[in-house]
Amino acid sequence: MGFDDVRGTGGTLLTRTTTGPRLDGPDADCRTAVGGRVVPVVETEDVGGTYGEFVADDELAAILYRPDPRVFGAAAEESAVPALQGGLRDRLAAVADVRAERALVAP
């Protein structure tokens, strides 16, 4: 399957390794809430080698896609992935807070 087929509709963490980084607590909860998945590059049909080259050439451990599916950020080391996921979690929470406030003041 191609990456777009495998990634689905939630946020996606594309990883260089088959195991990917482990997330706990709020970061894991956030991934679950947005329907996020961990997708190793080796498990996709990388047509043209685009994703594999991106990960290999830039020496990236992971690329985090937002649910919309734009790239949110990337991590050079697996140890940096929890902070990356935490940043997405914080931004999604901020958007939810703004929407809730707007709903309270809407006519």
N, C-alpha and C. Protein backbone atom coordinates (compact mmCIF):
# COMPACT_ATOMS: atom_id res chain seq x y z
N MET A 1 0.84 -1.19 0.00
CA MET A 1 0.00 0.00 0.00
C MET A 1 0.88 1.25 0.00
N GLY A 2 0.40 2.27 -0.64
CA GLY A 2 1.10 3.55 -0.63
C GLY A 2 0.93 4.25 0.70
N PHE A 3 1.78 5.23 0.96
CA PHE A 3 1.73 5.95 2.24
C PHE A 3 0.37 6.58 2.49
N ASP A 4 -0.21 7.21 1.50
CA ASP A 4 -1.51 7.86 1.69
C ASP A 4 -2.59 6.86 2.08
N ASP A 5 -2.48 5.63 1.59
CA ASP A 5 -3.44 4.58 1.96
C ASP A 5 -3.20 4.11 3.39
N VAL A 6 -1.95 3.97 3.77
CA VAL A 6 -1.60 3.45 5.09
C VAL A 6 -1.84 4.47 6.19
N ARG A 7 -1.59 5.73 5.91
CA ARG A 7 -1.66 6.74 6.96
C ARG A 7 -3.08 7.01 7.44
N GLY A 8 -4.06 6.78 6.63
CA GLY A 8 -5.43 6.99 7.09
C GLY A 8 -5.79 8.47 7.21
N THR A 9 -6.67 8.80 8.15
CA THR A 9 -7.16 10.18 8.26
C THR A 9 -6.67 10.91 9.50
N GLY A 10 -6.02 10.24 10.42
CA GLY A 10 -5.53 10.91 11.63
C GLY A 10 -4.11 11.39 11.45
N GLY A 11 -3.56 11.95 12.49
CA GLY A 11 -2.15 12.33 12.46
C GLY A 11 -1.29 11.08 12.32
N THR A 12 -0.16 11.19 11.65
CA THR A 12 0.67 10.03 11.38
C THR A 12 2.12 10.32 11.72
N LEU A 13 2.75 9.33 12.33
CA LEU A 13 4.17 9.40 12.60
C LEU A 13 4.86 8.42 11.66
N LEU A 14 5.57 8.95 10.67
CA LEU A 14 6.31 8.13 9.71
C LEU A 14 7.70 7.92 10.31
N THR A 15 8.08 6.67 10.52
CA THR A 15 9.33 6.38 11.20
C THR A 15 10.33 5.65 10.31
N ARG A 16 11.59 5.79 10.66
CA ARG A 16 12.66 5.10 9.94
C ARG A 16 12.72 3.64 10.35
N THR A 17 12.40 3.34 11.61
CA THR A 17 12.48 1.97 12.12
C THR A 17 11.10 1.33 12.20
N THR A 18 11.07 0.02 12.31
CA THR A 18 9.78 -0.68 12.37
C THR A 18 9.11 -0.53 13.73
N THR A 19 9.87 -0.31 14.78
CA THR A 19 9.26 -0.18 16.10
C THR A 19 8.80 1.23 16.39
N GLY A 20 9.55 2.22 15.95
CA GLY A 20 9.20 3.60 16.22
C GLY A 20 9.37 3.93 17.69
N PRO A 21 9.28 5.19 18.04
CA PRO A 21 9.46 5.61 19.43
C PRO A 21 8.24 5.28 20.27
N ARG A 22 8.46 5.09 21.54
CA ARG A 22 7.37 4.80 22.47
C ARG A 22 6.86 6.11 23.06
N LEU A 23 5.56 6.28 23.04
CA LEU A 23 4.94 7.45 23.65
C LEU A 23 4.07 7.00 24.82
N ASP A 24 4.09 7.78 25.89
CA ASP A 24 3.31 7.47 27.08
C ASP A 24 2.43 8.66 27.44
N GLY A 25 1.50 8.42 28.35
CA GLY A 25 0.70 9.48 28.95
C GLY A 25 -0.05 10.33 27.95
N PRO A 26 0.01 11.68 28.15
CA PRO A 26 -0.76 12.59 27.30
C PRO A 26 -0.40 12.52 25.82
N ASP A 27 0.87 12.22 25.53
CA ASP A 27 1.28 12.14 24.12
C ASP A 27 0.63 10.94 23.44
N ALA A 28 0.58 9.82 24.13
CA ALA A 28 -0.08 8.64 23.58
C ALA A 28 -1.59 8.88 23.47
N ASP A 29 -2.15 9.55 24.47
CA ASP A 29 -3.59 9.87 24.45
C ASP A 29 -3.93 10.78 23.28
N CYS A 30 -3.05 11.75 23.01
CA CYS A 30 -3.28 12.67 21.89
C CYS A 30 -3.26 11.90 20.57
N ARG A 31 -2.28 11.02 20.42
CA ARG A 31 -2.21 10.25 19.17
C ARG A 31 -3.49 9.45 18.98
N THR A 32 -3.97 8.84 20.05
CA THR A 32 -5.20 8.04 19.98
C THR A 32 -6.40 8.93 19.65
N ALA A 33 -6.48 10.11 20.28
CA ALA A 33 -7.62 11.00 20.10
C ALA A 33 -7.76 11.49 18.66
N VAL A 34 -6.64 11.70 17.98
CA VAL A 34 -6.72 12.17 16.59
C VAL A 34 -6.66 11.04 15.59
N GLY A 35 -6.73 9.81 16.08
CA GLY A 35 -6.70 8.65 15.19
C GLY A 35 -5.33 8.42 14.59
N GLY A 36 -4.31 8.83 15.32
CA GLY A 36 -2.95 8.76 14.81
C GLY A 36 -2.41 7.35 14.71
N ARG A 37 -1.45 7.20 13.81
CA ARG A 37 -0.82 5.90 13.57
C ARG A 37 0.68 6.08 13.46
N VAL A 38 1.39 5.01 13.76
CA VAL A 38 2.83 4.96 13.52
C VAL A 38 3.01 4.10 12.27
N VAL A 39 3.67 4.66 11.26
CA VAL A 39 3.86 3.96 10.00
C VAL A 39 5.35 3.93 9.67
N PRO A 40 5.98 2.75 9.76
CA PRO A 40 7.38 2.64 9.34
C PRO A 40 7.51 2.78 7.83
N VAL A 41 8.53 3.49 7.38
CA VAL A 41 8.77 3.67 5.95
C VAL A 41 8.80 2.33 5.23
N VAL A 42 9.41 1.33 5.85
CA VAL A 42 9.56 0.03 5.19
C VAL A 42 8.24 -0.69 4.97
N GLU A 43 7.17 -0.25 5.63
CA GLU A 43 5.88 -0.90 5.46
C GLU A 43 5.00 -0.20 4.43
N THR A 44 5.54 0.77 3.73
CA THR A 44 4.77 1.46 2.71
C THR A 44 5.33 1.14 1.33
N GLU A 45 4.48 1.23 0.35
CA GLU A 45 4.93 1.12 -1.03
C GLU A 45 5.37 2.52 -1.42
N ASP A 46 6.64 2.76 -1.26
CA ASP A 46 7.21 4.08 -1.45
C ASP A 46 7.45 4.33 -2.94
N VAL A 47 6.39 4.70 -3.63
CA VAL A 47 6.47 4.93 -5.07
C VAL A 47 7.47 6.05 -5.34
N GLY A 48 8.48 5.72 -6.10
CA GLY A 48 9.50 6.71 -6.43
C GLY A 48 10.54 6.92 -5.33
N GLY A 49 10.39 6.26 -4.19
CA GLY A 49 11.37 6.39 -3.11
C GLY A 49 11.33 7.71 -2.36
N THR A 50 10.27 8.47 -2.53
CA THR A 50 10.17 9.80 -1.94
C THR A 50 10.35 9.80 -0.42
N TYR A 51 9.58 9.00 0.27
CA TYR A 51 9.61 9.02 1.74
C TYR A 51 10.90 8.43 2.27
N GLY A 52 11.35 7.33 1.68
CA GLY A 52 12.60 6.72 2.11
C GLY A 52 13.78 7.66 1.94
N GLU A 53 13.83 8.36 0.81
CA GLU A 53 14.91 9.32 0.56
C GLU A 53 14.83 10.48 1.54
N PHE A 54 13.62 10.97 1.81
CA PHE A 54 13.44 12.09 2.73
C PHE A 54 13.98 11.72 4.11
N VAL A 55 13.63 10.54 4.58
CA VAL A 55 14.09 10.10 5.89
C VAL A 55 15.59 9.83 5.87
N ALA A 56 16.08 9.15 4.84
CA ALA A 56 17.50 8.79 4.77
C ALA A 56 18.40 10.00 4.52
N ASP A 57 18.05 10.82 3.52
CA ASP A 57 18.90 11.95 3.15
C ASP A 57 18.98 12.99 4.25
N ASP A 58 17.88 13.22 4.92
CA ASP A 58 17.87 14.21 5.98
C ASP A 58 18.22 13.61 7.33
N GLU A 59 18.53 12.32 7.33
CA GLU A 59 18.89 11.60 8.54
C GLU A 59 17.85 11.81 9.64
N LEU A 60 16.61 11.58 9.27
CA LEU A 60 15.51 11.77 10.21
C LEU A 60 15.08 10.44 10.81
N ALA A 61 14.71 10.48 12.08
CA ALA A 61 14.15 9.30 12.74
C ALA A 61 12.65 9.22 12.49
N ALA A 62 12.01 10.39 12.36
CA ALA A 62 10.56 10.40 12.20
C ALA A 62 10.07 11.72 11.63
N ILE A 63 8.93 11.65 10.96
CA ILE A 63 8.23 12.82 10.46
C ILE A 63 6.82 12.75 11.02
N LEU A 64 6.35 13.81 11.66
CA LEU A 64 5.01 13.84 12.24
C LEU A 64 4.08 14.66 11.36
N TYR A 65 3.03 14.00 10.89
CA TYR A 65 2.02 14.65 10.06
C TYR A 65 0.82 15.03 10.92
N ARG A 66 0.29 16.23 10.69
CA ARG A 66 -0.93 16.65 11.36
C ARG A 66 -2.10 15.87 10.79
N PRO A 67 -3.25 15.91 11.47
CA PRO A 67 -4.42 15.20 10.93
C PRO A 67 -4.91 15.75 9.59
N ASP A 68 -4.47 16.94 9.19
CA ASP A 68 -5.03 17.55 7.97
C ASP A 68 -4.39 17.24 6.62
N PRO A 69 -3.50 16.58 6.30
CA PRO A 69 -2.25 15.91 6.59
C PRO A 69 -0.99 16.69 6.21
N ARG A 70 -0.77 17.81 6.76
CA ARG A 70 0.46 18.56 6.50
C ARG A 70 1.54 18.11 7.48
N VAL A 71 2.79 18.33 7.10
CA VAL A 71 3.89 17.98 8.00
C VAL A 71 3.90 18.96 9.16
N PHE A 72 3.88 18.43 10.38
CA PHE A 72 3.99 19.26 11.57
C PHE A 72 5.45 19.50 11.92
N GLY A 73 6.25 18.45 11.83
CA GLY A 73 7.67 18.58 12.16
C GLY A 73 8.39 17.26 11.98
N ALA A 74 9.68 17.29 12.24
CA ALA A 74 10.50 16.09 12.10
C ALA A 74 11.49 16.02 13.25
N ALA A 75 11.95 14.82 13.51
CA ALA A 75 12.92 14.60 14.59
C ALA A 75 14.12 13.82 14.03
N ALA A 76 15.31 14.29 14.35
CA ALA A 76 16.51 13.61 13.90
C ALA A 76 16.78 12.35 14.72
N GLU A 77 16.36 12.37 15.96
CA GLU A 77 16.56 11.23 16.87
C GLU A 77 15.21 10.79 17.44
N GLU A 78 15.07 9.49 17.68
CA GLU A 78 13.82 9.00 18.26
C GLU A 78 13.55 9.63 19.62
N SER A 79 14.60 9.97 20.35
CA SER A 79 14.42 10.57 21.67
C SER A 79 13.73 11.94 21.60
N ALA A 80 13.73 12.58 20.43
CA ALA A 80 13.09 13.89 20.26
C ALA A 80 11.62 13.79 19.87
N VAL A 81 11.15 12.59 19.55
CA VAL A 81 9.77 12.43 19.09
C VAL A 81 8.74 12.78 20.16
N PRO A 82 8.91 12.39 21.43
CA PRO A 82 7.92 12.78 22.43
C PRO A 82 7.72 14.30 22.53
N ALA A 83 8.80 15.07 22.43
CA ALA A 83 8.67 16.53 22.46
C ALA A 83 7.93 17.03 21.22
N LEU A 84 8.18 16.42 20.08
CA LEU A 84 7.49 16.78 18.85
C LEU A 84 6.00 16.49 18.98
N GLN A 85 5.66 15.29 19.46
CA GLN A 85 4.26 14.92 19.67
C GLN A 85 3.62 15.84 20.71
N GLY A 86 4.37 16.20 21.75
CA GLY A 86 3.86 17.11 22.78
C GLY A 86 3.55 18.48 22.20
N GLY A 87 4.39 18.95 21.26
CA GLY A 87 4.13 20.23 20.61
C GLY A 87 2.85 20.20 19.80
N LEU A 88 2.61 19.10 19.09
CA LEU A 88 1.36 18.96 18.34
C LEU A 88 0.17 18.91 19.31
N ARG A 89 0.32 18.15 20.37
CA ARG A 89 -0.74 18.04 21.38
C ARG A 89 -1.10 19.43 21.92
N ASP A 90 -0.10 20.23 22.27
CA ASP A 90 -0.34 21.57 22.82
C ASP A 90 -1.03 22.47 21.82
N ARG A 91 -0.64 22.39 20.56
CA ARG A 91 -1.27 23.24 19.54
C ARG A 91 -2.71 22.82 19.25
N LEU A 92 -2.95 21.52 19.23
CA LEU A 92 -4.33 21.05 19.04
C LEU A 92 -5.21 21.47 20.22
N ALA A 93 -4.67 21.41 21.43
CA ALA A 93 -5.42 21.82 22.62
C ALA A 93 -5.73 23.31 22.56
N ALA A 94 -4.77 24.11 22.10
CA ALA A 94 -4.99 25.56 21.98
C ALA A 94 -6.09 25.87 20.98
N VAL A 95 -6.10 25.17 19.87
CA VAL A 95 -7.15 25.36 18.86
C VAL A 95 -8.52 24.99 19.45
N ALA A 96 -8.57 23.90 20.19
CA ALA A 96 -9.83 23.47 20.81
C ALA A 96 -10.31 24.52 21.82
N ASP A 97 -9.38 25.10 22.57
CA ASP A 97 -9.75 26.14 23.55
C ASP A 97 -10.33 27.37 22.86
N VAL A 98 -9.70 27.79 21.77
CA VAL A 98 -10.18 28.96 21.04
C VAL A 98 -11.57 28.69 20.48
N ARG A 99 -11.77 27.52 19.92
CA ARG A 99 -13.09 27.19 19.37
C ARG A 99 -14.15 27.17 20.47
N ALA A 100 -13.80 26.66 21.62
CA ALA A 100 -14.76 26.62 22.74
C ALA A 100 -15.12 28.03 23.20
N GLU A 101 -14.11 28.91 23.27
CA GLU A 101 -14.38 30.31 23.66
C GLU A 101 -15.25 31.01 22.64
N ARG A 102 -15.00 30.78 21.37
CA ARG A 102 -15.81 31.40 20.32
C ARG A 102 -17.26 30.92 20.39
N ALA A 103 -17.44 29.66 20.72
CA ALA A 103 -18.79 29.11 20.82
C ALA A 103 -19.55 29.75 21.96
N LEU A 104 -18.85 30.12 23.02
CA LEU A 104 -19.49 30.77 24.17
C LEU A 104 -19.99 32.17 23.86
N VAL A 105 -19.26 32.87 22.99
CA VAL A 105 -19.62 34.26 22.68
C VAL A 105 -20.37 34.41 21.37
N ALA A 106 -20.58 33.34 20.67
CA ALA A 106 -21.28 33.42 19.38
C ALA A 106 -22.74 33.81 19.61
N PRO A 107 -23.26 34.65 18.71
CA PRO A 107 -24.66 35.10 18.87
C PRO A 107 -25.66 33.99 18.66
